C-alpha atoms as a PDB file:
ATOM      1  CA  MET A   1       0.000   0.000   0.000  1.00  0.00           C
ATOM      2  CA  ILE A   2       1.397   3.342  -1.073  1.00  0.00           C
ATOM      3  CA  THR A   3       1.096   6.102   1.468  1.00  0.00           C
ATOM      4  CA  SER A   4       2.015   9.715   0.899  1.00  0.00           C
ATOM      5  CA  PRO A   5       1.309  12.476   3.409  1.00  0.00           C
ATOM      6  CA  GLN A   6       1.681  15.180   0.749  1.00  0.00           C
ATOM      7  CA  PHE A   7       1.000  15.648  -2.908  1.00  0.00           C
ATOM      8  CA  ARG A   8       2.545  17.807  -5.609  1.00  0.00           C
ATOM      9  CA  VAL A   9       0.312  20.024  -7.733  1.00  0.00           C
ATOM     10  CA  PRO A  10       0.725  19.213 -11.434  1.00  0.00           C
ATOM     11  CA  PRO A  11       3.039  21.671 -13.273  1.00  0.00           C
ATOM     12  CA  SER A  12       0.172  23.151 -15.268  1.00  0.00           C
ATOM     13  CA  PHE A  13      -1.367  24.465 -12.035  1.00  0.00           C
ATOM     14  CA  GLU A  14       1.777  25.828 -10.387  1.00  0.00           C
ATOM     15  CA  ASP A  15       2.285  29.296 -11.870  1.00  0.00           C
ATOM     16  CA  PRO A  16      -1.036  31.113 -11.121  1.00  0.00           C
ATOM     17  CA  PHE A  17      -1.459  29.817  -7.590  1.00  0.00           C
ATOM     18  CA  ASP A  18       2.004  29.308  -6.109  1.00  0.00           C
ATOM     19  CA  ASP A  19       0.956  31.096  -2.934  1.00  0.00           C
ATOM     20  CA  LEU A  20      -2.079  28.826  -2.468  1.00  0.00           C
ATOM     21  CA  ARG A  21      -0.312  25.428  -2.390  1.00  0.00           C
ATOM     22  CA  MET A  22      -1.324  23.212   0.515  1.00  0.00           C
ATOM     23  CA  GLU A  23       1.241  22.758   3.259  1.00  0.00           C
ATOM     24  CA  PRO A  24       0.808  20.595   6.403  1.00  0.00           C
ATOM     25  CA  SER A  25      -0.541  22.594   9.304  1.00  0.00           C
ATOM     26  CA  PRO A  26      -1.903  21.752  12.745  1.00  0.00           C
ATOM     27  CA  LEU A  27      -5.007  23.789  11.917  1.00  0.00           C
ATOM     28  CA  ARG A  28      -5.815  21.585   8.971  1.00  0.00           C
ATOM     29  CA  SER A  29      -5.822  18.460  11.138  1.00  0.00           C
ATOM     30  CA  GLN A  30      -8.629  20.099  13.107  1.00  0.00           C
ATOM     31  CA  GLY A  31     -10.650  20.738   9.952  1.00  0.00           C
ATOM     32  CA  ARG A  32     -10.612  24.551  10.288  1.00  0.00           C
ATOM     33  CA  LEU A  33      -9.758  27.368   7.929  1.00  0.00           C
ATOM     34  CA  SER A  34      -6.799  29.614   8.626  1.00  0.00           C
ATOM     35  CA  THR A  35      -6.990  33.279   7.700  1.00  0.00           C
ATOM     36  CA  ARG A  36      -4.126  35.552   6.750  1.00  0.00           C
ATOM     37  CA  PRO A  37      -4.704  39.318   7.108  1.00  0.00           C
ATOM     38  CA  ASN A  38      -4.132  41.262   3.909  1.00  0.00           C
ATOM     39  CA  HIS A  39      -3.236  44.932   4.285  1.00  0.00           C
ATOM     40  CA  ASN A  40      -4.536  45.783   0.829  1.00  0.00           C
ATOM     41  CA  GLY A  41      -8.139  45.018   1.619  1.00  0.00           C
ATOM     42  CA  PRO A  42     -10.422  42.240   2.901  1.00  0.00           C
ATOM     43  CA  GLN A  43      -8.899  39.116   4.332  1.00  0.00           C
ATOM     44  CA  MET A  44      -8.038  36.394   1.862  1.00  0.00           C
ATOM     45  CA  GLN A  45      -8.950  32.913   3.027  1.00  0.00           C
ATOM     46  CA  SER A  46      -6.633  30.003   2.362  1.00  0.00           C
ATOM     47  CA  ILE A  47      -8.279  26.675   1.818  1.00  0.00           C
ATOM     48  CA  CYS A  48      -7.171  23.876   4.110  1.00  0.00           C
ATOM     49  CA  LEU A  49      -7.766  20.154   4.068  1.00  0.00           C
ATOM     50  CA  ARG A  50     -10.342  18.499   6.255  1.00  0.00           C
ATOM     51  CA  ASP A  51      -9.698  15.638   8.706  1.00  0.00           C
ATOM     52  CA  ASP A  52     -10.760  12.953   6.327  1.00  0.00           C
ATOM     53  CA  CYS A  53      -8.318  14.195   3.651  1.00  0.00           C
ATOM     54  CA  MET A  54      -5.239  14.144   5.874  1.00  0.00           C
ATOM     55  CA  SER A  55      -6.031  11.371   8.386  1.00  0.00           C
ATOM     56  CA  ASN A  56      -4.046   8.152   8.259  1.00  0.00           C
ATOM     57  CA  ASN A  57      -1.779   9.687   5.532  1.00  0.00           C
ATOM     58  CA  THR A  58      -4.213   8.628   2.818  1.00  0.00           C
ATOM     59  CA  THR A  59      -3.353   9.449  -0.751  1.00  0.00           C
ATOM     60  CA  LEU A  60      -5.260  12.265  -2.369  1.00  0.00           C
ATOM     61  CA  GLY A  61      -6.905  11.258  -5.593  1.00  0.00           C
ATOM     62  CA  GLN A  62      -7.355  13.253  -8.748  1.00  0.00           C
ATOM     63  CA  GLU A  63     -10.883  14.235  -7.717  1.00  0.00           C
ATOM     64  CA  ALA A  64      -9.637  15.794  -4.452  1.00  0.00           C
ATOM     65  CA  LYS A  65      -6.929  17.709  -6.307  1.00  0.00           C
ATOM     66  CA  SER A  66      -9.467  19.091  -8.773  1.00  0.00           C
ATOM     67  CA  SER A  67     -11.762  20.154  -5.929  1.00  0.00           C
ATOM     68  CA  ILE A  68      -8.914  21.971  -4.137  1.00  0.00           C
ATOM     69  CA  PHE A  69      -7.842  23.674  -7.328  1.00  0.00           C
ATOM     70  CA  ALA A  70     -11.411  24.859  -8.058  1.00  0.00           C
ATOM     71  CA  GLN A  71     -11.821  26.281  -4.552  1.00  0.00           C
ATOM     72  CA  SER A  72      -8.426  28.003  -4.700  1.00  0.00           C
ATOM     73  CA  LYS A  73      -9.213  29.531  -8.085  1.00  0.00           C
ATOM     74  CA  LYS A  74     -12.570  30.802  -6.818  1.00  0.00           C
ATOM     75  CA  CYS A  75     -10.907  32.381  -3.788  1.00  0.00           C
ATOM     76  CA  LEU A  76      -8.228  34.061  -5.901  1.00  0.00           C
ATOM     77  CA  GLU A  77     -10.779  35.419  -8.354  1.00  0.00           C
ATOM     78  CA  GLY A  78     -12.720  36.922  -5.456  1.00  0.00           C
ATOM     79  CA  PHE A  79      -9.549  38.574  -4.180  1.00  0.00           C
ATOM     80  CA  VAL A  80      -8.712  40.023  -7.603  1.00  0.00           C
ATOM     81  CA  SER A  81     -12.249  41.315  -8.043  1.00  0.00           C
ATOM     82  CA  SER A  82     -12.382  42.928  -4.592  1.00  0.00           C
ATOM     83  CA  HIS A  83      -9.137  44.820  -5.277  1.00  0.00           C
ATOM     84  CA  ASN A  84     -10.051  45.932  -8.783  1.00  0.00           C
ATOM     85  CA  LEU A  85      -6.981  44.199 -10.195  1.00  0.00           C
ATOM     86  CA  GLY A  86      -8.689  42.872 -13.293  1.00  0.00           C
ATOM     87  CA  GLY A  87      -9.335  44.516 -16.630  1.00  0.00           C
ATOM     88  CA  SER A  88     -12.914  45.408 -15.741  1.00  0.00           C
ATOM     89  CA  GLY A  89     -11.674  47.268 -12.663  1.00  0.00           C
ATOM     90  CA  ASN A  90      -9.245  49.278 -14.753  1.00  0.00           C
ATOM     91  CA  ARG A  91     -11.979  50.102 -17.224  1.00  0.00           C
ATOM     92  CA  LYS A  92     -14.198  51.159 -14.362  1.00  0.00           C
ATOM     93  CA  ARG A  93     -11.540  53.535 -12.995  1.00  0.00           C
ATOM     94  CA  THR A  94     -10.918  54.921 -16.487  1.00  0.00           C
ATOM     95  CA  PHE A  95     -14.627  55.587 -16.883  1.00  0.00           C
ATOM     96  CA  GLN A  96     -14.734  57.333 -13.506  1.00  0.00           C
ATOM     97  CA  MET A  97     -11.780  59.568 -14.473  1.00  0.00           C
ATOM     98  CA  GLN A  98     -13.431  60.474 -17.763  1.00  0.00           C
ATOM     99  CA  ALA A  99     -16.684  61.274 -15.981  1.00  0.00           C
ATOM    100  CA  THR A 100     -14.802  63.519 -13.541  1.00  0.00           C
ATOM    101  CA  SER A 101     -13.063  65.289 -16.417  1.00  0.00           C
ATOM    102  CA  ASN A 102     -16.339  65.856 -18.225  1.00  0.00           C
ATOM    103  CA  LYS A 103     -17.869  67.163 -15.015  1.00  0.00           C
ATOM    104  CA  GLU A 104     -15.041  69.687 -14.588  1.00  0.00           C
ATOM    105  CA  GLU A 105     -15.411  70.840 -18.181  1.00  0.00           C
ATOM    106  CA  SER A 106     -19.135  71.373 -17.663  1.00  0.00           C
ATOM    107  CA  ILE A 107     -18.525  73.734 -14.712  1.00  0.00           C
ATOM    108  CA  PRO A 108     -19.578  77.279 -15.734  1.00  0.00           C
ATOM    109  CA  ARG A 109     -16.639  79.588 -16.380  1.00  0.00           C
ATOM    110  CA  PHE A 110     -18.301  82.565 -14.712  1.00  0.00           C
ATOM    111  CA  ARG A 111     -20.039  82.764 -11.386  1.00  0.00           C
ATOM    112  CA  PRO A 112     -23.775  83.511 -11.477  1.00  0.00           C
ATOM    113  CA  TYR A 113     -23.430  87.076 -10.203  1.00  0.00           C
ATOM    114  CA  GLN A 114     -20.655  87.803 -12.743  1.00  0.00           C
ATOM    115  CA  ASP A 115     -22.748  86.559 -15.632  1.00  0.00           C
ATOM    116  CA  LYS A 116     -25.730  88.512 -14.323  1.00  0.00           C
ATOM    117  CA  GLN A 117     -23.716  91.749 -14.228  1.00  0.00           C
ATOM    118  CA  TRP A 118     -22.387  91.186 -17.746  1.00  0.00           C
ATOM    119  CA  ARG A 119     -25.860  90.556 -19.140  1.00  0.00           C
ATOM    120  CA  ALA A 120     -27.234  93.643 -17.441  1.00  0.00           C
ATOM    121  CA  GLN A 121     -24.655  95.803 -19.217  1.00  0.00           C
ATOM    122  CA  PHE A 122     -25.283  93.961 -22.483  1.00  0.00           C
ATOM    123  CA  GLN A 123     -28.982  94.815 -22.251  1.00  0.00           C
ATOM    124  CA  ARG A 124     -28.070  98.474 -21.697  1.00  0.00           C
ATOM    125  CA  LEU A 125     -25.910  98.315 -24.813  1.00  0.00           C
ATOM    126  CA  ILE A 126     -28.882  96.980 -26.777  1.00  0.00           C
ATOM    127  CA  GLN A 127     -31.006  99.867 -25.498  1.00  0.00           C
ATOM    128  CA  TYR A 128     -28.280 102.291 -26.570  1.00  0.00           C
ATOM    129  CA  LYS A 129     -28.306 100.835 -30.086  1.00  0.00           C
ATOM    130  CA  LEU A 130     -32.076 101.037 -30.326  1.00  0.00           C
ATOM    131  CA  LYS A 131     -31.837 104.713 -29.444  1.00  0.00           C
ATOM    132  CA  ASN A 132     -28.780 105.678 -31.531  1.00  0.00           C
ATOM    133  CA  GLY A 133     -28.641 103.054 -34.263  1.00  0.00           C
ATOM    134  CA  HIS A 134     -25.141 101.788 -33.385  1.00  0.00           C
ATOM    135  CA  CYS A 135     -23.056 100.311 -30.551  1.00  0.00           C
ATOM    136  CA  CYS A 136     -20.178 102.821 -30.599  1.00  0.00           C
ATOM    137  CA  VAL A 137     -20.674 104.265 -27.139  1.00  0.00           C
ATOM    138  CA  PRO A 138     -18.413 107.351 -26.777  1.00  0.00           C
ATOM    139  CA  HIS A 139     -15.530 107.147 -24.331  1.00  0.00           C
ATOM    140  CA  CYS A 140     -17.063 110.111 -22.563  1.00  0.00           C
ATOM    141  CA  TYR A 141     -20.764 109.409 -22.320  1.00  0.00           C
ATOM    142  CA  PRO A 142     -22.331 111.510 -19.542  1.00  0.00           C
ATOM    143  CA  GLU A 143     -25.693 109.774 -19.780  1.00  0.00           C
ATOM    144  CA  ASP A 144     -24.202 106.400 -18.797  1.00  0.00           C
ATOM    145  CA  PRO A 145     -20.486 106.464 -17.839  1.00  0.00           C
ATOM    146  CA  ALA A 146     -20.657 102.866 -16.571  1.00  0.00           C
ATOM    147  CA  LEU A 147     -21.742 101.628 -19.992  1.00  0.00           C
ATOM    148  CA  ALA A 148     -18.899 103.545 -21.670  1.00  0.00           C
ATOM    149  CA  ARG A 149     -16.378 101.917 -19.314  1.00  0.00           C
ATOM    150  CA  TRP A 150     -17.932  98.475 -19.874  1.00  0.00           C
ATOM    151  CA  VAL A 151     -17.694  98.828 -23.668  1.00  0.00           C
ATOM    152  CA  LYS A 152     -14.049  99.849 -23.395  1.00  0.00           C
ATOM    153  CA  ARG A 153     -13.364  96.881 -21.114  1.00  0.00           C
ATOM    154  CA  GLN A 154     -14.953  94.453 -23.588  1.00  0.00           C
ATOM    155  CA  ARG A 155     -12.515  95.590 -26.275  1.00  0.00           C
ATOM    156  CA  TYR A 156      -9.591  95.175 -23.888  1.00  0.00           C
ATOM    157  CA  GLN A 157     -10.673  91.686 -22.841  1.00  0.00           C
ATOM    158  CA  TYR A 158     -11.244  90.762 -26.489  1.00  0.00           C
ATOM    159  CA  LYS A 159      -7.640  91.690 -27.321  1.00  0.00           C
ATOM    160  CA  LYS A 160      -6.399  89.513 -24.459  1.00  0.00           C
ATOM    161  CA  PHE A 161      -8.600  86.681 -25.710  1.00  0.00           C
ATOM    162  CA  GLN A 162      -7.146  87.016 -29.218  1.00  0.00           C
ATOM    163  CA  ASP A 163      -3.614  86.934 -27.770  1.00  0.00           C
ATOM    164  CA  GLY A 164      -4.364  83.675 -25.961  1.00  0.00           C
ATOM    165  CA  ASP A 165      -4.314  85.197 -22.469  1.00  0.00           C
ATOM    166  CA  THR A 166      -6.094  82.747 -20.157  1.00  0.00           C
ATOM    167  CA  THR A 167      -6.955  85.547 -17.704  1.00  0.00           C
ATOM    168  CA  SER A 168      -9.296  87.156 -20.240  1.00  0.00           C
ATOM    169  CA  THR A 169     -12.942  87.309 -19.208  1.00  0.00           C
ATOM    170  CA  MET A 170     -14.002  87.233 -22.850  1.00  0.00           C
ATOM    171  CA  SER A 171     -15.421  84.003 -24.252  1.00  0.00           C
ATOM    172  CA  THR A 172     -16.636  82.736 -27.615  1.00  0.00           C
ATOM    173  CA  PRO A 173     -20.354  82.933 -26.662  1.00  0.00           C
ATOM    174  CA  ARG A 174     -19.911  86.536 -25.504  1.00  0.00           C
ATOM    175  CA  ILE A 175     -18.111  87.440 -28.731  1.00  0.00           C
ATOM    176  CA  GLN A 176     -20.969  85.992 -30.739  1.00  0.00           C
ATOM    177  CA  GLU A 177     -23.567  87.901 -28.726  1.00  0.00           C
ATOM    178  CA  LEU A 178     -21.729  91.221 -29.080  1.00  0.00           C
ATOM    179  CA  GLU A 179     -21.146  90.758 -32.797  1.00  0.00           C
ATOM    180  CA  SER A 180     -24.834  89.954 -33.276  1.00  0.00           C
ATOM    181  CA  VAL A 181     -25.672  93.575 -32.342  1.00  0.00           C
ATOM    182  CA  GLY A 182     -22.874  95.101 -34.468  1.00  0.00           C
ATOM    183  CA  PHE A 183     -20.271  95.653 -31.763  1.00  0.00           C
ATOM    184  CA  VAL A 184     -17.030  97.250 -33.028  1.00  0.00           C
ATOM    185  CA  TRP A 185     -13.983  95.564 -31.479  1.00  0.00           C
ATOM    186  CA  HIS A 186     -11.065  97.736 -32.503  1.00  0.00           C
ATOM    187  CA  SER A 187     -10.698 101.074 -30.761  1.00  0.00           C
ATOM    188  CA  HIS A 188      -9.534 102.945 -33.884  1.00  0.00           C
ATOM    189  CA  ALA A 189     -12.467 101.657 -35.889  1.00  0.00           C
ATOM    190  CA  SER A 190     -14.756 102.519 -33.005  1.00  0.00           C
ATOM    191  CA  ALA A 191     -13.375 106.055 -32.801  1.00  0.00           C
ATOM    192  CA  TRP A 192     -13.929 106.564 -36.533  1.00  0.00           C
ATOM    193  CA  GLN A 193     -17.471 105.190 -36.301  1.00  0.00           C
ATOM    194  CA  GLU A 194     -18.163 107.477 -33.356  1.00  0.00           C
ATOM    195  CA  LYS A 195     -17.186 110.577 -35.351  1.00  0.00           C
ATOM    196  CA  PHE A 196     -19.125 109.367 -38.350  1.00  0.00           C
ATOM    197  CA  ASN A 197     -22.229 109.145 -36.175  1.00  0.00           C
ATOM    198  CA  GLU A 198     -21.615 112.710 -34.968  1.00  0.00           C
ATOM    199  CA  LEU A 199     -21.350 113.836 -38.591  1.00  0.00           C
ATOM    200  CA  LYS A 200     -24.634 112.091 -39.338  1.00  0.00           C
ATOM    201  CA  GLU A 201     -26.290 113.986 -36.468  1.00  0.00           C
ATOM    202  CA  PHE A 202     -24.792 117.230 -37.771  1.00  0.00           C
ATOM    203  CA  LYS A 203     -26.351 116.635 -41.180  1.00  0.00           C
ATOM    204  CA  GLN A 204     -29.728 115.869 -39.611  1.00  0.00           C
ATOM    205  CA  ARG A 205     -29.628 119.293 -37.946  1.00  0.00           C
ATOM    206  CA  THR A 206     -28.141 121.361 -40.776  1.00  0.00           C
ATOM    207  CA  GLY A 207     -28.981 119.414 -43.918  1.00  0.00           C
ATOM    208  CA  HIS A 208     -25.325 119.104 -45.049  1.00  0.00           C
ATOM    209  CA  CYS A 209     -21.922 117.726 -43.964  1.00  0.00           C
ATOM    210  CA  ASN A 210     -19.852 120.907 -44.365  1.00  0.00           C
ATOM    211  CA  VAL A 211     -18.706 121.302 -40.782  1.00  0.00           C
ATOM    212  CA  PRO A 212     -17.056 124.716 -40.363  1.00  0.00           C
ATOM    213  CA  SER A 213     -13.317 124.860 -39.747  1.00  0.00           C
ATOM    214  CA  ALA A 214     -14.064 126.695 -36.552  1.00  0.00           C
ATOM    215  CA  TYR A 215     -16.918 124.883 -34.850  1.00  0.00           C
ATOM    216  CA  PRO A 216     -16.965 125.614 -31.112  1.00  0.00           C
ATOM    217  CA  GLU A 217     -19.802 123.207 -30.458  1.00  0.00           C
ATOM    218  CA  ASN A 218     -17.641 120.269 -31.526  1.00  0.00           C
ATOM    219  CA  ASN A 219     -14.058 121.141 -32.403  1.00  0.00           C
ATOM    220  CA  SER A 220     -13.046 117.474 -32.588  1.00  0.00           C
ATOM    221  CA  LEU A 221     -15.647 116.843 -35.306  1.00  0.00           C
ATOM    222  CA  SER A 222     -14.328 119.765 -37.340  1.00  0.00           C
ATOM    223  CA  THR A 223     -10.796 118.370 -37.087  1.00  0.00           C
ATOM    224  CA  TRP A 224     -12.016 114.865 -38.015  1.00  0.00           C
ATOM    225  CA  VAL A 225     -13.722 116.160 -41.189  1.00  0.00           C
ATOM    226  CA  LYS A 226     -10.460 117.811 -42.290  1.00  0.00           C
ATOM    227  CA  CYS A 227      -8.613 114.531 -41.706  1.00  0.00           C
ATOM    228  CA  GLN A 228     -11.103 112.592 -43.826  1.00  0.00           C
ATOM    229  CA  ARG A 229     -10.499 114.927 -46.764  1.00  0.00           C
ATOM    230  CA  ARG A 230      -6.738 114.622 -46.377  1.00  0.00           C
ATOM    231  CA  HIS A 231      -6.947 110.801 -46.135  1.00  0.00           C
ATOM    232  CA  TYR A 232      -9.154 110.767 -49.226  1.00  0.00           C
ATOM    233  CA  LYS A 233      -6.535 112.619 -51.293  1.00  0.00           C
ATOM    234  CA  ALA A 234      -3.840 110.173 -50.205  1.00  0.00           C
ATOM    235  CA  TYR A 235      -6.127 107.244 -50.994  1.00  0.00           C
ATOM    236  CA  ILE A 236      -6.969 108.261 -54.573  1.00  0.00           C
ATOM    237  CA  SER A 237      -3.422 109.446 -55.375  1.00  0.00           C
ATOM    238  CA  GLY A 238      -1.958 106.015 -54.700  1.00  0.00           C
ATOM    239  CA  SER A 239       0.543 107.384 -52.222  1.00  0.00           C
ATOM    240  CA  SER A 240       3.108 104.918 -50.886  1.00  0.00           C
ATOM    241  CA  SER A 241       2.292 105.967 -47.331  1.00  0.00           C
ATOM    242  CA  PRO A 242      -0.664 104.026 -45.911  1.00  0.00           C
ATOM    243  CA  SER A 243      -3.961 105.869 -45.644  1.00  0.00           C
ATOM    244  CA  PRO A 244      -6.623 105.205 -43.006  1.00  0.00           C
ATOM    245  CA  MET A 245      -9.220 105.685 -45.710  1.00  0.00           C
ATOM    246  CA  THR A 246     -10.825 102.488 -47.004  1.00  0.00           C
ATOM    247  CA  MET A 247     -13.434 101.727 -49.620  1.00  0.00           C
ATOM    248  CA  HIS A 248     -15.948 100.940 -46.885  1.00  0.00           C
ATOM    249  CA  ARG A 249     -15.381 104.292 -45.164  1.00  0.00           C
ATOM    250  CA  LEU A 250     -15.507 106.065 -48.499  1.00  0.00           C
ATOM    251  CA  GLN A 251     -18.895 104.534 -49.244  1.00  0.00           C
ATOM    252  CA  LEU A 252     -20.238 105.487 -45.809  1.00  0.00           C
ATOM    253  CA  LEU A 253     -19.183 109.118 -46.267  1.00  0.00           C
ATOM    254  CA  GLU A 254     -20.622 109.256 -49.771  1.00  0.00           C
ATOM    255  CA  SER A 255     -23.916 107.965 -48.403  1.00  0.00           C
ATOM    256  CA  LEU A 256     -24.130 111.280 -46.480  1.00  0.00           C
ATOM    257  CA  ASP A 257     -23.166 113.322 -49.583  1.00  0.00           C
ATOM    258  CA  PHE A 258     -19.880 114.193 -47.939  1.00  0.00           C
ATOM    259  CA  VAL A 259     -17.858 116.749 -49.930  1.00  0.00           C
ATOM    260  CA  PHE A 260     -14.255 115.530 -50.193  1.00  0.00           C
ATOM    261  CA  GLU A 261     -12.996 118.512 -52.235  1.00  0.00           C
ATOM    262  CA  PRO A 262     -14.856 121.636 -51.078  1.00  0.00           C
ATOM    263  CA  GLN A 263     -12.770 123.999 -53.242  1.00  0.00           C
ATOM    264  CA  LEU A 264     -13.671 122.097 -56.392  1.00  0.00           C
ATOM    265  CA  SER A 265     -17.294 122.013 -55.326  1.00  0.00           C
ATOM    266  CA  LYS A 266     -17.358 125.811 -54.905  1.00  0.00           C
ATOM    267  CA  ARG A 267     -16.006 126.270 -58.410  1.00  0.00           C
ATOM    268  CA  TRP A 268     -18.747 124.119 -59.842  1.00  0.00           C
ATOM    269  CA  ASP A 269     -21.359 126.015 -57.857  1.00  0.00           C
ATOM    270  CA  SER A 270     -20.067 129.412 -59.073  1.00  0.00           C
ATOM    271  CA  ASN A 271     -20.221 128.332 -62.680  1.00  0.00           C
END
């Protein structure tokens, strides 16, 4: 009769479960399970042999080995699952990280009170346009100085946004909203548009655009009209020096019957 107190796990089962091989232990002779604390999580139970498996040094058959292997595999799979060591655990963590990232991206850029203040000024700008026909609020606007400062600040923040400055309070949705009401971004273009609007008001009062050279009521408008005539001459002469005059500005001035060459006009009138 062949007796063997121990058995050797077949080579095909050694690699995955080296740490779960059965070794003789006094606890096993009592038919109890021994537990080893695991600092990474829940305790992992090691499967031990019962009395009838180890008593009288009986030989373990193939059926007993298969049963032990199945129990050990089940225990190890439970351990792997509880510690998220498998592929599904990694996918779960990846999904959680993506969800967190999406949540951060969905956080509003502006606080509610900041957005409320911006929209209040935007509504005042719309009211200004309805009254004046444009959004070029003068730098000095006694009726609403806060709106004039806000308009100037929007242009400044827009420039920072265009330069890639992350501290800019301008955003793509705000740009779209401002452009939808005809907002002028560049300060030079805004200044020209502002004077053009003053010239339009002058014509509504007087019936013409011939602002006097000496015009105490608005000296800056008189100077601006002189500049437009000078820029026009440089534009049509093909001068090498750049001229602020453009075809678009030329068309706007002509729409008001602006006289670019008053001396020539006088000659025609006298004849």
